[in-house]
Structure formats: structure tokens, C-alpha cells
């Protein structure tokens, strides 16, 4: 369970730094060992949790409030 929670945070932090489509996200080093379908399901869960949204360019992006509140340990520059 901790690994999944950490993966949620890593994905959200990564999308805050640089929004991406699923294909672009799958090219990031920390996701090399995961199946596209697994990451797609995680993106859906993050959308349902209101952590991420799809921006006007069709890319997944993390809400600034989530980055500030939920991702404090990632020390993102806000």
C-alpha cells in the first residue's frame, strides 16, 4: 500500500512540474517498469480524488493546492 501511495505522489509531483499526456508520462524514468494500463488507472483515481485534471492542451496536470498541501514532502517550488 505504501508503494502505491508513493507512486500517486510521484506521479502528481511529476505532473505538477511538467504536465503530460499518458504517453509522455510513460517515458519518465520512474515509470519504466509499469504497464500503461496501470498508470492510466492511477490517473483516473487521481482525477477522482481531485488531485489532477486535464488542462486545455489535453495534458494531465496537478492542482496547485494539492501540490502545496498533499505533496509538501516533495518540496516543489510553488
N, C-alpha and C. Protein backbone atom coordinates (compact mmCIF):
# COMPACT_ATOMS: atom_id res chain seq x y z
N UNK A 1 0.82 -1.19 0.00
CA UNK A 1 0.00 0.00 0.00
C UNK A 1 0.87 1.26 0.00
N UNK A 2 1.95 1.24 0.75
CA UNK A 2 2.85 2.41 0.81
C UNK A 2 3.44 2.69 -0.57
N UNK A 3 3.75 1.63 -1.31
CA UNK A 3 4.32 1.81 -2.65
C UNK A 3 3.33 2.52 -3.57
N UNK A 4 2.06 2.15 -3.48
CA UNK A 4 1.03 2.78 -4.31
C UNK A 4 0.87 4.25 -3.93
N UNK A 5 0.81 4.53 -2.63
CA UNK A 5 0.67 5.90 -2.16
C UNK A 5 1.86 6.75 -2.62
N UNK A 6 3.05 6.18 -2.55
CA UNK A 6 4.24 6.88 -3.00
C UNK A 6 4.19 7.12 -4.51
N UNK A 7 3.70 6.13 -5.25
CA UNK A 7 3.57 6.27 -6.70
C UNK A 7 2.57 7.37 -7.05
N UNK A 8 1.44 7.45 -6.33
CA UNK A 8 0.47 8.53 -6.53
C UNK A 8 1.18 9.88 -6.38
N UNK A 9 1.94 10.01 -5.30
CA UNK A 9 2.64 11.26 -5.04
C UNK A 9 3.68 11.58 -6.09
N UNK A 10 4.43 10.56 -6.51
CA UNK A 10 5.45 10.77 -7.54
C UNK A 10 4.83 11.22 -8.86
N UNK A 11 3.72 10.60 -9.21
CA UNK A 11 3.04 10.97 -10.46
C UNK A 11 2.49 12.39 -10.35
N UNK A 12 1.83 12.70 -9.24
CA UNK A 12 1.26 14.04 -9.06
C UNK A 12 2.36 15.10 -9.07
N UNK A 13 3.47 14.82 -8.39
CA UNK A 13 4.58 15.79 -8.36
C UNK A 13 5.15 15.98 -9.76
N UNK A 14 5.32 14.89 -10.47
CA UNK A 14 5.85 14.95 -11.82
C UNK A 14 4.93 15.75 -12.74
N UNK A 15 3.63 15.55 -12.60
CA UNK A 15 2.67 16.27 -13.43
C UNK A 15 2.55 17.73 -13.02
N UNK A 16 2.87 18.04 -11.78
CA UNK A 16 2.88 19.45 -11.36
C UNK A 16 4.05 20.16 -12.03
N UNK A 17 5.20 19.50 -12.02
CA UNK A 17 6.40 20.09 -12.60
C UNK A 17 6.27 20.23 -14.12
N UNK A 18 5.74 19.17 -14.76
CA UNK A 18 5.59 19.21 -16.21
C UNK A 18 4.36 18.39 -16.61
N UNK A 19 3.25 19.07 -16.92
CA UNK A 19 2.05 18.35 -17.36
C UNK A 19 2.36 17.45 -18.56
N UNK A 20 1.60 16.34 -18.66
CA UNK A 20 1.89 15.36 -19.72
C UNK A 20 0.66 14.55 -20.08
N UNK A 21 0.69 14.03 -21.30
CA UNK A 21 -0.29 13.02 -21.71
C UNK A 21 0.16 11.69 -21.11
N UNK A 22 -0.65 10.68 -21.21
CA UNK A 22 -0.26 9.36 -20.71
C UNK A 22 1.01 8.88 -21.41
N UNK A 23 1.07 9.03 -22.72
CA UNK A 23 2.26 8.59 -23.46
C UNK A 23 3.51 9.32 -23.02
N UNK A 24 3.41 10.63 -22.82
CA UNK A 24 4.56 11.41 -22.36
C UNK A 24 4.97 11.01 -20.95
N UNK A 25 3.97 10.77 -20.11
CA UNK A 25 4.24 10.37 -18.73
C UNK A 25 4.95 9.02 -18.68
N UNK A 26 4.56 8.11 -19.55
CA UNK A 26 5.15 6.77 -19.56
C UNK A 26 6.63 6.79 -19.95
N UNK A 27 7.10 7.86 -20.54
CA UNK A 27 8.51 7.98 -20.92
C UNK A 27 9.40 8.41 -19.76
N UNK A 28 8.80 8.78 -18.64
CA UNK A 28 9.59 9.24 -17.49
C UNK A 28 10.22 8.03 -16.79
N UNK A 29 11.45 8.22 -16.37
CA UNK A 29 12.25 7.12 -15.82
C UNK A 29 11.58 6.35 -14.70
N UNK A 30 10.92 7.02 -13.79
CA UNK A 30 10.37 6.32 -12.64
C UNK A 30 9.18 5.42 -12.98
N UNK A 31 8.69 5.49 -14.21
CA UNK A 31 7.56 4.66 -14.63
C UNK A 31 7.95 3.58 -15.64
N UNK A 32 9.21 3.40 -15.90
CA UNK A 32 9.68 2.46 -16.92
C UNK A 32 9.20 1.03 -16.69
N UNK A 33 9.00 0.62 -15.44
CA UNK A 33 8.63 -0.78 -15.13
C UNK A 33 7.14 -0.98 -14.92
N UNK A 34 6.33 -0.02 -15.32
CA UNK A 34 4.89 -0.11 -15.13
C UNK A 34 4.18 -0.21 -16.48
N UNK A 35 3.06 -0.91 -16.49
CA UNK A 35 2.25 -1.03 -17.71
C UNK A 35 1.43 0.25 -17.90
N UNK A 36 1.22 0.61 -19.16
CA UNK A 36 0.41 1.79 -19.48
C UNK A 36 -0.96 1.72 -18.82
N UNK A 37 -1.57 0.54 -18.84
CA UNK A 37 -2.92 0.38 -18.30
C UNK A 37 -2.94 0.64 -16.79
N UNK A 38 -1.90 0.26 -16.08
CA UNK A 38 -1.83 0.50 -14.63
C UNK A 38 -1.73 1.99 -14.34
N UNK A 39 -0.91 2.69 -15.09
CA UNK A 39 -0.74 4.12 -14.89
C UNK A 39 -2.00 4.87 -15.31
N UNK A 40 -2.67 4.41 -16.35
CA UNK A 40 -3.93 5.02 -16.77
C UNK A 40 -4.96 4.91 -15.66
N UNK A 41 -5.04 3.76 -14.99
CA UNK A 41 -5.96 3.59 -13.87
C UNK A 41 -5.60 4.52 -12.71
N UNK A 42 -4.32 4.67 -12.45
CA UNK A 42 -3.88 5.58 -11.39
C UNK A 42 -4.27 7.02 -11.73
N UNK A 43 -4.11 7.41 -12.99
CA UNK A 43 -4.51 8.75 -13.40
C UNK A 43 -6.01 8.96 -13.18
N UNK A 44 -6.81 7.95 -13.49
CA UNK A 44 -8.26 8.05 -13.26
C UNK A 44 -8.55 8.21 -11.76
N UNK A 45 -7.84 7.45 -10.93
CA UNK A 45 -8.03 7.58 -9.47
C UNK A 45 -7.64 8.97 -8.99
N UNK A 46 -6.52 9.49 -9.50
CA UNK A 46 -6.09 10.82 -9.10
C UNK A 46 -7.08 11.89 -9.55
N UNK A 47 -7.69 11.69 -10.71
CA UNK A 47 -8.74 12.62 -11.17
C UNK A 47 -9.95 12.54 -10.25
N UNK A 48 -10.34 11.33 -9.88
CA UNK A 48 -11.49 11.14 -8.98
C UNK A 48 -11.23 11.74 -7.61
N UNK A 49 -9.98 11.70 -7.16
CA UNK A 49 -9.60 12.28 -5.86
C UNK A 49 -9.45 13.80 -5.96
N UNK A 50 -9.59 14.34 -7.16
CA UNK A 50 -9.44 15.78 -7.43
C UNK A 50 -8.01 16.26 -7.17
N UNK A 51 -7.03 15.40 -7.49
CA UNK A 51 -5.62 15.78 -7.40
C UNK A 51 -5.13 16.33 -8.73
N UNK A 52 -5.64 15.78 -9.83
CA UNK A 52 -5.19 16.19 -11.16
C UNK A 52 -6.39 16.50 -12.04
N UNK A 53 -6.12 17.17 -13.14
CA UNK A 53 -7.15 17.46 -14.14
C UNK A 53 -6.48 17.45 -15.51
N UNK A 54 -7.30 17.47 -16.55
CA UNK A 54 -6.77 17.55 -17.91
C UNK A 54 -6.90 19.01 -18.34
N UNK A 55 -5.76 19.62 -18.65
CA UNK A 55 -5.75 21.04 -19.00
C UNK A 55 -6.22 21.27 -20.44
N UNK A 56 -6.25 22.52 -20.85
CA UNK A 56 -6.78 22.87 -22.19
C UNK A 56 -5.93 22.32 -23.33
N UNK A 57 -4.72 21.86 -23.03
CA UNK A 57 -3.83 21.27 -24.03
C UNK A 57 -3.95 19.75 -24.07
N UNK A 58 -4.87 19.19 -23.28
CA UNK A 58 -5.09 17.75 -23.26
C UNK A 58 -4.07 16.99 -22.43
N UNK A 59 -3.41 17.69 -21.52
CA UNK A 59 -2.39 17.05 -20.68
C UNK A 59 -2.85 17.00 -19.23
N UNK A 60 -2.45 15.94 -18.55
CA UNK A 60 -2.75 15.81 -17.13
C UNK A 60 -1.88 16.79 -16.37
N UNK A 61 -2.50 17.44 -15.38
CA UNK A 61 -1.79 18.45 -14.60
C UNK A 61 -2.30 18.38 -13.16
N UNK A 62 -1.42 18.63 -12.21
CA UNK A 62 -1.77 18.60 -10.79
C UNK A 62 -2.23 19.99 -10.35
N UNK A 63 -3.30 20.00 -9.55
CA UNK A 63 -3.78 21.26 -8.99
C UNK A 63 -2.72 21.85 -8.06
N UNK A 64 -2.57 23.16 -8.11
CA UNK A 64 -1.58 23.85 -7.28
C UNK A 64 -1.87 23.63 -5.79
N UNK A 65 -3.12 23.65 -5.39
CA UNK A 65 -3.49 23.45 -3.98
C UNK A 65 -3.07 22.06 -3.50
N UNK A 66 -3.17 21.06 -4.36
CA UNK A 66 -2.75 19.70 -4.00
C UNK A 66 -1.24 19.65 -3.86
N UNK A 67 -0.54 20.31 -4.77
CA UNK A 67 0.93 20.34 -4.69
C UNK A 67 1.36 20.98 -3.38
N UNK A 68 0.69 22.02 -2.98
CA UNK A 68 1.03 22.74 -1.76
C UNK A 68 0.69 21.91 -0.52
N UNK A 69 -0.48 21.27 -0.52
CA UNK A 69 -0.99 20.59 0.67
C UNK A 69 -0.53 19.13 0.77
N UNK A 70 -0.76 18.35 -0.26
CA UNK A 70 -0.53 16.91 -0.22
C UNK A 70 0.89 16.50 -0.59
N UNK A 71 1.59 17.35 -1.31
CA UNK A 71 2.92 16.98 -1.81
C UNK A 71 4.03 17.79 -1.17
N UNK A 72 3.81 18.25 0.04
CA UNK A 72 4.80 19.09 0.74
C UNK A 72 6.15 18.39 0.86
N UNK A 73 6.16 17.08 1.08
CA UNK A 73 7.42 16.36 1.26
C UNK A 73 8.25 16.30 -0.02
N UNK A 74 7.65 16.57 -1.18
CA UNK A 74 8.40 16.59 -2.44
C UNK A 74 9.13 17.92 -2.64
N UNK A 75 8.83 18.89 -1.76
CA UNK A 75 9.49 20.21 -1.78
C UNK A 75 9.43 20.87 -3.16
N UNK A 76 8.24 20.92 -3.70
CA UNK A 76 8.04 21.56 -5.00
C UNK A 76 8.12 23.07 -4.85
N UNK A 77 8.65 23.72 -5.83
CA UNK A 77 8.68 25.19 -5.82
C UNK A 77 7.31 25.67 -6.28
N UNK A 78 6.63 26.39 -5.40
CA UNK A 78 5.26 26.82 -5.73
C UNK A 78 5.19 28.28 -6.04
